[in-house]
Amino acid sequence: LPKGAETRAAPAFIGWALGQYRFERYRAEAKAEGPRILLTAEVK
C-alpha cells in the first residue's frame, strides 16, 4: 500500500482477524492451519 494508506485500510484488518476465527471449546481442528500474520506500520 502507499505510505500512510494503512489507516484507510484499517477495516480490512477486522476481516483478516475474523477470517481466522475458530470456535474450539469442544473440538479442535485436527489439521488446523497456523496463524496468518499481517504486518502493519500503523499500530494505533
All heavy atoms as atom14 arrays in JSON, in Angstrom:
{
  "sequence": "LPKGAETRAAPAFIGWALGQYRFERYRAEAKAEGPRILLTAEVK",
  "atom14_mask": [
    [1, 1, 1, 1, 1, 1, 1, 1, 0, 0, 0, 0, 0, 0],
    [1, 1, 1, 1, 1, 1, 1, 0, 0, 0, 0, 0, 0, 0],
    [1, 1, 1, 1, 1, 1, 1, 1, 1, 0, 0, 0, 0, 0],
    [1, 1, 1, 1, 0, 0, 0, 0, 0, 0, 0, 0, 0, 0],
    [1, 1, 1, 1, 1, 0, 0, 0, 0, 0, 0, 0, 0, 0],
    [1, 1, 1, 1, 1, 1, 1, 1, 1, 0, 0, 0, 0, 0],
    [1, 1, 1, 1, 1, 1, 1, 0, 0, 0, 0, 0, 0, 0],
    [1, 1, 1, 1, 1, 1, 1, 1, 1, 1, 1, 0, 0, 0],
    [1, 1, 1, 1, 1, 0, 0, 0, 0, 0, 0, 0, 0, 0],
    [1, 1, 1, 1, 1, 0, 0, 0, 0, 0, 0, 0, 0, 0],
    [1, 1, 1, 1, 1, 1, 1, 0, 0, 0, 0, 0, 0, 0],
    [1, 1, 1, 1, 1, 0, 0, 0, 0, 0, 0, 0, 0, 0],
    [1, 1, 1, 1, 1, 1, 1, 1, 1, 1, 1, 0, 0, 0],
    [1, 1, 1, 1, 1, 1, 1, 1, 0, 0, 0, 0, 0, 0],
    [1, 1, 1, 1, 0, 0, 0, 0, 0, 0, 0, 0, 0, 0],
    [1, 1, 1, 1, 1, 1, 1, 1, 1, 1, 1, 1, 1, 1],
    [1, 1, 1, 1, 1, 0, 0, 0, 0, 0, 0, 0, 0, 0],
    [1, 1, 1, 1, 1, 1, 1, 1, 0, 0, 0, 0, 0, 0],
    [1, 1, 1, 1, 0, 0, 0, 0, 0, 0, 0, 0, 0, 0],
    [1, 1, 1, 1, 1, 1, 1, 1, 1, 0, 0, 0, 0, 0],
    [1, 1, 1, 1, 1, 1, 1, 1, 1, 1, 1, 1, 0, 0],
    [1, 1, 1, 1, 1, 1, 1, 1, 1, 1, 1, 0, 0, 0],
    [1, 1, 1, 1, 1, 1, 1, 1, 1, 1, 1, 0, 0, 0],
    [1, 1, 1, 1, 1, 1, 1, 1, 1, 0, 0, 0, 0, 0],
    [1, 1, 1, 1, 1, 1, 1, 1, 1, 1, 1, 0, 0, 0],
    [1, 1, 1, 1, 1, 1, 1, 1, 1, 1, 1, 1, 0, 0],
    [1, 1, 1, 1, 1, 1, 1, 1, 1, 1, 1, 0, 0, 0],
    [1, 1, 1, 1, 1, 0, 0, 0, 0, 0, 0, 0, 0, 0],
    [1, 1, 1, 1, 1, 1, 1, 1, 1, 0, 0, 0, 0, 0],
    [1, 1, 1, 1, 1, 0, 0, 0, 0, 0, 0, 0, 0, 0],
    [1, 1, 1, 1, 1, 1, 1, 1, 1, 0, 0, 0, 0, 0],
    [1, 1, 1, 1, 1, 0, 0, 0, 0, 0, 0, 0, 0, 0],
    [1, 1, 1, 1, 1, 1, 1, 1, 1, 0, 0, 0, 0, 0],
    [1, 1, 1, 1, 0, 0, 0, 0, 0, 0, 0, 0, 0, 0],
    [1, 1, 1, 1, 1, 1, 1, 0, 0, 0, 0, 0, 0, 0],
    [1, 1, 1, 1, 1, 1, 1, 1, 1, 1, 1, 0, 0, 0],
    [1, 1, 1, 1, 1, 1, 1, 1, 0, 0, 0, 0, 0, 0],
    [1, 1, 1, 1, 1, 1, 1, 1, 0, 0, 0, 0, 0, 0],
    [1, 1, 1, 1, 1, 1, 1, 1, 0, 0, 0, 0, 0, 0],
    [1, 1, 1, 1, 1, 1, 1, 0, 0, 0, 0, 0, 0, 0],
    [1, 1, 1, 1, 1, 0, 0, 0, 0, 0, 0, 0, 0, 0],
    [1, 1, 1, 1, 1, 1, 1, 1, 1, 0, 0, 0, 0, 0],
    [1, 1, 1, 1, 1, 1, 1, 0, 0, 0, 0, 0, 0, 0],
    [1, 1, 1, 1, 1, 1, 1, 1, 1, 0, 0, 0, 0, 0]
  ],
  "atom14_positions": [
    [[0.84, -1.19, 0.0], [0.0, 0.0, 0.0], [0.87, 1.24, 0.0], [2.0, 1.23, 0.51], [-0.89, 0.03, 1.25], [-1.99, -1.03, 1.35], [-2.62, -0.98, 2.73], [-3.04, -0.82, 0.28], [0.0, 0.0, 0.0], [0.0, 0.0, 0.0], [0.0, 0.0, 0.0], [0.0, 0.0, 0.0], [0.0, 0.0, 0.0], [0.0, 0.0, 0.0]],
    [[0.37, 2.36, -0.57], [1.13, 3.6, -0.5], [1.34, 4.02, 0.96], [0.57, 3.65, 1.85], [0.23, 4.61, -1.23], [-0.68, 3.78, -2.05], [-0.88, 2.49, -1.32], [0.0, 0.0, 0.0], [0.0, 0.0, 0.0], [0.0, 0.0, 0.0], [0.0, 0.0, 0.0], [0.0, 0.0, 0.0], [0.0, 0.0, 0.0], [0.0, 0.0, 0.0]],
    [[2.38, 4.8, 1.21], [2.69, 5.24, 2.56], [1.51, 5.99, 3.15], [0.93, 6.86, 2.52], [3.93, 6.14, 2.55], [4.41, 6.51, 3.95], [5.69, 7.32, 3.9], [6.18, 7.65, 5.3], [7.44, 8.44, 5.28], [0.0, 0.0, 0.0], [0.0, 0.0, 0.0], [0.0, 0.0, 0.0], [0.0, 0.0, 0.0], [0.0, 0.0, 0.0]],
    [[1.14, 5.63, 4.38], [0.03, 6.28, 5.06], [-1.34, 5.7, 4.74], [-2.34, 6.11, 5.33], [0.0, 0.0, 0.0], [0.0, 0.0, 0.0], [0.0, 0.0, 0.0], [0.0, 0.0, 0.0], [0.0, 0.0, 0.0], [0.0, 0.0, 0.0], [0.0, 0.0, 0.0], [0.0, 0.0, 0.0], [0.0, 0.0, 0.0], [0.0, 0.0, 0.0]],
    [[-1.39, 4.76, 3.8], [-2.69, 4.22, 3.38], [-3.21, 3.15, 4.32], [-4.37, 2.75, 4.22], [-2.59, 3.66, 1.97], [0.0, 0.0, 0.0], [0.0, 0.0, 0.0], [0.0, 0.0, 0.0], [0.0, 0.0, 0.0], [0.0, 0.0, 0.0], [0.0, 0.0, 0.0], [0.0, 0.0, 0.0], [0.0, 0.0, 0.0], [0.0, 0.0, 0.0]],
    [[-2.38, 2.67, 5.24], [-2.84, 1.61, 6.14], [-3.97, 2.08, 7.05], [-4.84, 1.31, 7.42], [-1.69, 1.07, 6.97], [-0.82, 0.08, 6.22], [0.1, -0.7, 7.15], [0.31, -0.24, 8.3], [0.59, -1.75, 6.74], [0.0, 0.0, 0.0], [0.0, 0.0, 0.0], [0.0, 0.0, 0.0], [0.0, 0.0, 0.0], [0.0, 0.0, 0.0]],
    [[-3.95, 3.36, 7.42], [-5.05, 3.87, 8.25], [-6.37, 3.7, 7.54], [-7.37, 3.3, 8.13], [-4.81, 5.35, 8.59], [-3.59, 5.46, 9.33], [-5.95, 5.91, 9.4], [0.0, 0.0, 0.0], [0.0, 0.0, 0.0], [0.0, 0.0, 0.0], [0.0, 0.0, 0.0], [0.0, 0.0, 0.0], [0.0, 0.0, 0.0], [0.0, 0.0, 0.0]],
    [[-6.38, 4.01, 6.25], [-7.6, 3.84, 5.46], [-7.96, 2.37, 5.32], [-9.13, 2.03, 5.14], [-7.37, 4.47, 4.07], [-8.51, 4.35, 3.12], [-8.33, 5.29, 1.92], [-6.99, 5.29, 1.39], [-6.53, 4.39, 0.52], [-7.29, 3.4, 0.13], [-5.29, 4.47, 0.07], [0.0, 0.0, 0.0], [0.0, 0.0, 0.0], [0.0, 0.0, 0.0]],
    [[-6.98, 1.5, 5.42], [-7.22, 0.06, 5.27], [-7.61, -0.61, 6.57], [-7.84, -1.82, 6.59], [-5.96, -0.61, 4.71], [0.0, 0.0, 0.0], [0.0, 0.0, 0.0], [0.0, 0.0, 0.0], [0.0, 0.0, 0.0], [0.0, 0.0, 0.0], [0.0, 0.0, 0.0], [0.0, 0.0, 0.0], [0.0, 0.0, 0.0], [0.0, 0.0, 0.0]],
    [[-7.74, 0.16, 7.67], [-8.0, -0.44, 8.98], [-9.19, -1.39, 9.0], [-9.12, -2.47, 9.61], [-8.17, 0.66, 10.04], [0.0, 0.0, 0.0], [0.0, 0.0, 0.0], [0.0, 0.0, 0.0], [0.0, 0.0, 0.0], [0.0, 0.0, 0.0], [0.0, 0.0, 0.0], [0.0, 0.0, 0.0], [0.0, 0.0, 0.0], [0.0, 0.0, 0.0]],
    [[-10.33, -1.06, 8.35], [-11.45, -2.01, 8.38], [-11.1, -3.39, 7.84], [-11.65, -4.4, 8.31], [-12.52, -1.33, 7.51], [-12.2, 0.13, 7.59], [-10.71, 0.19, 7.65], [0.0, 0.0, 0.0], [0.0, 0.0, 0.0], [0.0, 0.0, 0.0], [0.0, 0.0, 0.0], [0.0, 0.0, 0.0], [0.0, 0.0, 0.0], [0.0, 0.0, 0.0]],
    [[-10.2, -3.46, 6.87], [-9.85, -4.75, 6.28], [-9.15, -5.66, 7.29], [-9.2, -6.88, 7.16], [-8.95, -4.54, 5.06], [0.0, 0.0, 0.0], [0.0, 0.0, 0.0], [0.0, 0.0, 0.0], [0.0, 0.0, 0.0], [0.0, 0.0, 0.0], [0.0, 0.0, 0.0], [0.0, 0.0, 0.0], [0.0, 0.0, 0.0], [0.0, 0.0, 0.0]],
    [[-8.49, -5.06, 8.29], [-7.82, -5.87, 9.3], [-8.84, -6.63, 10.16], [-8.52, -7.65, 10.75], [-6.92, -4.99, 10.17], [-5.65, -4.59, 9.5], [-5.63, -3.64, 8.48], [-4.44, -5.16, 9.88], [-4.44, -3.27, 7.86], [-3.25, -4.8, 9.26], [-3.25, -3.85, 8.24], [0.0, 0.0, 0.0], [0.0, 0.0, 0.0], [0.0, 0.0, 0.0]],
    [[-10.06, -6.09, 10.27], [-11.12, -6.8, 11.0], [-11.41, -8.13, 10.32], [-11.47, -9.18, 10.97], [-12.4, -5.93, 11.06], [-12.14, -4.66, 11.87], [-13.56, -6.73, 11.64], [-13.29, -3.68, 11.86], [0.0, 0.0, 0.0], [0.0, 0.0, 0.0], [0.0, 0.0, 0.0], [0.0, 0.0, 0.0], [0.0, 0.0, 0.0], [0.0, 0.0, 0.0]],
    [[-11.58, -8.1, 9.0], [-11.83, -9.32, 8.26], [-10.66, -10.28, 8.29], [-10.85, -11.51, 8.3], [0.0, 0.0, 0.0], [0.0, 0.0, 0.0], [0.0, 0.0, 0.0], [0.0, 0.0, 0.0], [0.0, 0.0, 0.0], [0.0, 0.0, 0.0], [0.0, 0.0, 0.0], [0.0, 0.0, 0.0], [0.0, 0.0, 0.0], [0.0, 0.0, 0.0]],
    [[-9.45, -9.74, 8.29], [-8.26, -10.59, 8.38], [-8.28, -11.4, 9.68], [-8.03, -12.6, 9.7], [-6.99, -9.75, 8.31], [-5.73, -10.56, 8.38], [-5.02, -10.87, 9.5], [-5.03, -11.16, 7.27], [-3.92, -11.63, 9.17], [-3.9, -11.82, 7.81], [-5.25, -11.18, 5.9], [-3.0, -12.5, 7.02], [-4.34, -11.86, 5.1], [-3.23, -12.51, 5.65]],
    [[-8.6, -10.71, 10.79], [-8.64, -11.4, 12.09], [-9.81, -12.37, 12.15], [-9.66, -13.53, 12.58], [-8.75, -10.37, 13.21], [0.0, 0.0, 0.0], [0.0, 0.0, 0.0], [0.0, 0.0, 0.0], [0.0, 0.0, 0.0], [0.0, 0.0, 0.0], [0.0, 0.0, 0.0], [0.0, 0.0, 0.0], [0.0, 0.0, 0.0], [0.0, 0.0, 0.0]],
    [[-10.99, -11.94, 11.71], [-12.17, -12.79, 11.83], [-12.17, -13.92, 10.82], [-12.86, -14.93, 11.01], [-13.43, -11.94, 11.7], [-13.66, -10.99, 12.88], [-14.87, -10.1, 12.62], [-13.83, -11.76, 14.19], [0.0, 0.0, 0.0], [0.0, 0.0, 0.0], [0.0, 0.0, 0.0], [0.0, 0.0, 0.0], [0.0, 0.0, 0.0], [0.0, 0.0, 0.0]],
    [[-11.4, -13.79, 9.74], [-11.25, -14.9, 8.82], [-10.54, -16.08, 9.45], [-10.6, -17.21, 8.94], [0.0, 0.0, 0.0], [0.0, 0.0, 0.0], [0.0, 0.0, 0.0], [0.0, 0.0, 0.0], [0.0, 0.0, 0.0], [0.0, 0.0, 0.0], [0.0, 0.0, 0.0], [0.0, 0.0, 0.0], [0.0, 0.0, 0.0], [0.0, 0.0, 0.0]],
    [[-9.88, -15.84, 10.58], [-9.16, -16.92, 11.27], [-9.85, -17.33, 12.58], [-9.28, -18.05, 13.38], [-7.72, -16.48, 11.53], [-6.98, -16.2, 10.22], [-5.56, -15.76, 10.45], [-4.71, -16.54, 10.9], [-5.26, -14.52, 10.11], [0.0, 0.0, 0.0], [0.0, 0.0, 0.0], [0.0, 0.0, 0.0], [0.0, 0.0, 0.0], [0.0, 0.0, 0.0]],
    [[-11.08, -16.83, 12.77], [-11.83, -17.22, 13.96], [-12.17, -18.7, 13.9], [-12.61, -19.22, 12.88], [-13.13, -16.4, 14.05], [-14.06, -16.91, 15.14], [-13.92, -16.48, 16.45], [-15.04, -17.86, 14.86], [-14.75, -16.95, 17.45], [-15.88, -18.34, 15.85], [-15.72, -17.89, 17.15], [-16.53, -18.38, 18.14], [0.0, 0.0, 0.0], [0.0, 0.0, 0.0]],
    [[-11.98, -19.36, 15.01], [-12.41, -20.76, 15.16], [-12.98, -20.94, 16.57], [-12.41, -20.44, 17.54], [-11.24, -21.74, 14.98], [-10.52, -21.65, 13.64], [-11.38, -22.13, 12.48], [-10.61, -22.12, 11.24], [-10.52, -21.07, 10.42], [-11.13, -19.93, 10.74], [-9.81, -21.15, 9.32], [0.0, 0.0, 0.0], [0.0, 0.0, 0.0], [0.0, 0.0, 0.0]],
    [[-14.08, -21.66, 16.68], [-14.63, -22.0, 18.0], [-14.18, -23.41, 18.32], [-14.6, -24.37, 17.7], [-16.15, -21.9, 17.98], [-16.77, -22.24, 19.31], [-16.59, -21.39, 20.4], [-17.51, -23.39, 19.49], [-17.15, -21.69, 21.63], [-18.07, -23.71, 20.72], [-17.89, -22.85, 21.8], [0.0, 0.0, 0.0], [0.0, 0.0, 0.0], [0.0, 0.0, 0.0]],
    [[-13.3, -23.54, 19.31], [-12.64, -24.82, 19.56], [-12.82, -25.3, 20.99], [-12.05, -26.12, 21.48], [-11.14, -24.69, 19.23], [-10.88, -24.37, 17.77], [-9.41, -24.27, 17.43], [-8.65, -23.82, 18.31], [-9.02, -24.63, 16.32], [0.0, 0.0, 0.0], [0.0, 0.0, 0.0], [0.0, 0.0, 0.0], [0.0, 0.0, 0.0], [0.0, 0.0, 0.0]],
    [[-13.85, -24.83, 21.65], [-14.05, -25.27, 23.04], [-14.31, -26.78, 23.11], [-13.82, -27.45, 24.01], [-15.22, -24.52, 23.67], [-15.59, -25.1, 25.03], [-16.44, -24.22, 25.88], [-16.68, -24.85, 27.18], [-17.03, -24.22, 28.27], [-17.17, -22.91, 28.25], [-17.25, -24.86, 29.39], [0.0, 0.0, 0.0], [0.0, 0.0, 0.0], [0.0, 0.0, 0.0]],
    [[-15.08, -27.29, 22.17], [-15.49, -28.69, 22.24], [-14.75, -29.6, 21.26], [-14.75, -30.81, 21.43], [-17.0, -28.8, 21.98], [-17.83, -27.99, 22.93], [-18.6, -26.92, 22.49], [-17.84, -28.29, 24.29], [-19.37, -26.18, 23.37], [-18.6, -27.54, 25.19], [-19.37, -26.49, 24.72], [-20.12, -25.75, 25.6], [0.0, 0.0, 0.0], [0.0, 0.0, 0.0]],
    [[-14.14, -29.0, 20.23], [-13.43, -29.82, 19.25], [-12.4, -28.95, 18.53], [-12.76, -27.96, 17.89], [-14.4, -30.41, 18.22], [-13.72, -31.34, 17.21], [-14.7, -31.75, 16.11], [-15.06, -30.6, 15.29], [-16.02, -30.62, 14.36], [-16.72, -31.71, 14.17], [-16.29, -29.53, 13.66], [0.0, 0.0, 0.0], [0.0, 0.0, 0.0], [0.0, 0.0, 0.0]],
    [[-11.15, -29.34, 18.64], [-10.1, -28.62, 17.93], [-9.94, -29.22, 16.54], [-10.17, -30.41, 16.33], [-8.79, -28.72, 18.69], [0.0, 0.0, 0.0], [0.0, 0.0, 0.0], [0.0, 0.0, 0.0], [0.0, 0.0, 0.0], [0.0, 0.0, 0.0], [0.0, 0.0, 0.0], [0.0, 0.0, 0.0], [0.0, 0.0, 0.0], [0.0, 0.0, 0.0]],
    [[-9.56, -28.37, 15.56], [-9.32, -28.86, 14.22], [-8.05, -29.7, 14.2], [-6.99, -29.25, 14.64], [-9.2, -27.71, 13.23], [-10.51, -26.95, 13.03], [-10.39, -25.91, 11.93], [-9.44, -26.01, 11.13], [-11.25, -25.01, 11.88], [0.0, 0.0, 0.0], [0.0, 0.0, 0.0], [0.0, 0.0, 0.0], [0.0, 0.0, 0.0], [0.0, 0.0, 0.0]],
    [[-8.15, -30.91, 13.67], [-7.01, -31.84, 13.68], [-5.84, -31.32, 12.85], [-4.68, -31.49, 13.2], [-7.45, -33.21, 13.18], [0.0, 0.0, 0.0], [0.0, 0.0, 0.0], [0.0, 0.0, 0.0], [0.0, 0.0, 0.0], [0.0, 0.0, 0.0], [0.0, 0.0, 0.0], [0.0, 0.0, 0.0], [0.0, 0.0, 0.0], [0.0, 0.0, 0.0]],
    [[-6.15, -30.67, 11.72], [-5.1, -30.18, 10.83], [-5.26, -28.68, 10.62], [-5.26, -28.19, 9.49], [-5.14, -30.92, 9.49], [-4.88, -32.43, 9.61], [-4.91, -33.09, 8.25], [-4.63, -34.6, 8.37], [-4.68, -35.27, 7.04], [0.0, 0.0, 0.0], [0.0, 0.0, 0.0], [0.0, 0.0, 0.0], [0.0, 0.0, 0.0], [0.0, 0.0, 0.0]],
    [[-5.41, -27.95, 11.7], [-5.62, -26.52, 11.61], [-4.37, -25.82, 11.06], [-3.25, -26.13, 11.46], [-5.98, -25.95, 12.96], [0.0, 0.0, 0.0], [0.0, 0.0, 0.0], [0.0, 0.0, 0.0], [0.0, 0.0, 0.0], [0.0, 0.0, 0.0], [0.0, 0.0, 0.0], [0.0, 0.0, 0.0], [0.0, 0.0, 0.0], [0.0, 0.0, 0.0]],
    [[-4.61, -24.88, 10.15], [-3.52, -24.07, 9.6], [-3.03, -23.13, 10.69], [-3.79, -22.64, 11.52], [-4.04, -23.27, 8.41], [-2.96, -22.53, 7.65], [-2.14, -23.45, 6.75], [-2.73, -24.34, 6.11], [-0.92, -23.26, 6.69], [0.0, 0.0, 0.0], [0.0, 0.0, 0.0], [0.0, 0.0, 0.0], [0.0, 0.0, 0.0], [0.0, 0.0, 0.0]],
    [[-1.72, -22.89, 10.72], [-1.17, -21.95, 11.69], [-1.61, -20.53, 11.39], [-2.28, -20.26, 10.38], [0.0, 0.0, 0.0], [0.0, 0.0, 0.0], [0.0, 0.0, 0.0], [0.0, 0.0, 0.0], [0.0, 0.0, 0.0], [0.0, 0.0, 0.0], [0.0, 0.0, 0.0], [0.0, 0.0, 0.0], [0.0, 0.0, 0.0], [0.0, 0.0, 0.0]],
    [[-1.26, -19.58, 12.23], [-1.74, -18.21, 12.04], [-1.16, -17.56, 10.79], [-0.02, -17.81, 10.41], [-1.27, -17.48, 13.3], [-0.12, -18.29, 13.79], [-0.43, -19.7, 13.43], [0.0, 0.0, 0.0], [0.0, 0.0, 0.0], [0.0, 0.0, 0.0], [0.0, 0.0, 0.0], [0.0, 0.0, 0.0], [0.0, 0.0, 0.0], [0.0, 0.0, 0.0]],
    [[-1.99, -16.76, 10.13], [-1.53, -15.89, 9.05], [-1.36, -14.51, 9.68], [-2.34, -13.9, 10.11], [-2.53, -15.81, 7.9], [-2.76, -17.1, 7.14], [-3.75, -17.98, 7.85], [-4.31, -19.02, 6.97], [-5.16, -19.92, 7.38], [-5.55, -19.95, 8.64], [-5.62, -20.82, 6.55], [0.0, 0.0, 0.0], [0.0, 0.0, 0.0], [0.0, 0.0, 0.0]],
    [[-0.15, -14.02, 9.71], [0.17, -12.78, 10.42], [0.27, -11.65, 9.41], [0.98, -11.77, 8.4], [1.49, -12.94, 11.19], [1.36, -14.05, 12.23], [1.89, -11.62, 11.85], [2.68, -14.52, 12.79], [0.0, 0.0, 0.0], [0.0, 0.0, 0.0], [0.0, 0.0, 0.0], [0.0, 0.0, 0.0], [0.0, 0.0, 0.0], [0.0, 0.0, 0.0]],
    [[-0.43, -10.57, 9.68], [-0.38, -9.4, 8.82], [0.43, -8.31, 9.53], [0.14, -7.96, 10.68], [-1.79, -8.9, 8.51], [-1.95, -7.95, 7.33], [-1.41, -8.55, 6.05], [-3.41, -7.57, 7.16], [0.0, 0.0, 0.0], [0.0, 0.0, 0.0], [0.0, 0.0, 0.0], [0.0, 0.0, 0.0], [0.0, 0.0, 0.0], [0.0, 0.0, 0.0]],
    [[1.45, -7.81, 8.86], [2.32, -6.79, 9.44], [1.75, -5.4, 9.15], [1.19, -5.15, 8.09], [3.72, -6.91, 8.85], [4.39, -8.28, 8.98], [5.76, -8.26, 8.34], [4.47, -8.71, 10.45], [0.0, 0.0, 0.0], [0.0, 0.0, 0.0], [0.0, 0.0, 0.0], [0.0, 0.0, 0.0], [0.0, 0.0, 0.0], [0.0, 0.0, 0.0]],
    [[1.89, -4.51, 10.11], [1.37, -3.16, 9.94], [2.31, -2.13, 10.56], [2.89, -2.36, 11.62], [-0.02, -3.01, 10.56], [-0.46, -1.66, 10.44], [-0.02, -3.38, 12.04], [0.0, 0.0, 0.0], [0.0, 0.0, 0.0], [0.0, 0.0, 0.0], [0.0, 0.0, 0.0], [0.0, 0.0, 0.0], [0.0, 0.0, 0.0], [0.0, 0.0, 0.0]],
    [[2.43, -1.0, 9.89], [3.2, 0.12, 10.44], [2.3, 1.08, 11.21], [2.78, 1.89, 12.0], [3.91, 0.87, 9.3], [0.0, 0.0, 0.0], [0.0, 0.0, 0.0], [0.0, 0.0, 0.0], [0.0, 0.0, 0.0], [0.0, 0.0, 0.0], [0.0, 0.0, 0.0], [0.0, 0.0, 0.0], [0.0, 0.0, 0.0], [0.0, 0.0, 0.0]],
    [[1.0, 1.0, 10.97], [0.02, 1.91, 11.59], [-0.64, 1.2, 12.76], [-1.74, 0.65, 12.65], [-1.02, 2.36, 10.56], [-0.42, 3.05, 9.35], [0.08, 4.45, 9.67], [-0.31, 4.99, 10.73], [0.86, 5.0, 8.89], [0.0, 0.0, 0.0], [0.0, 0.0, 0.0], [0.0, 0.0, 0.0], [0.0, 0.0, 0.0], [0.0, 0.0, 0.0]],
    [[0.02, 1.21, 13.92], [-0.43, 0.38, 15.03], [-1.73, 0.9, 15.65], [-2.66, 0.13, 15.9], [0.67, 0.27, 16.11], [0.16, -0.49, 17.32], [1.91, -0.4, 15.51], [0.0, 0.0, 0.0], [0.0, 0.0, 0.0], [0.0, 0.0, 0.0], [0.0, 0.0, 0.0], [0.0, 0.0, 0.0], [0.0, 0.0, 0.0], [0.0, 0.0, 0.0]],
    [[-1.85, 2.21, 15.9], [-2.98, 2.73, 16.66], [-4.31, 2.53, 15.96], [-5.25, 1.99, 16.57], [-2.75, 4.22, 16.99], [-3.8, 4.78, 17.94], [-3.45, 6.19, 18.37], [-4.5, 6.74, 19.33], [-4.17, 8.12, 19.8], [0.0, 0.0, 0.0], [0.0, 0.0, 0.0], [0.0, 0.0, 0.0], [0.0, 0.0, 0.0], [0.0, 0.0, 0.0]]
  ]
}
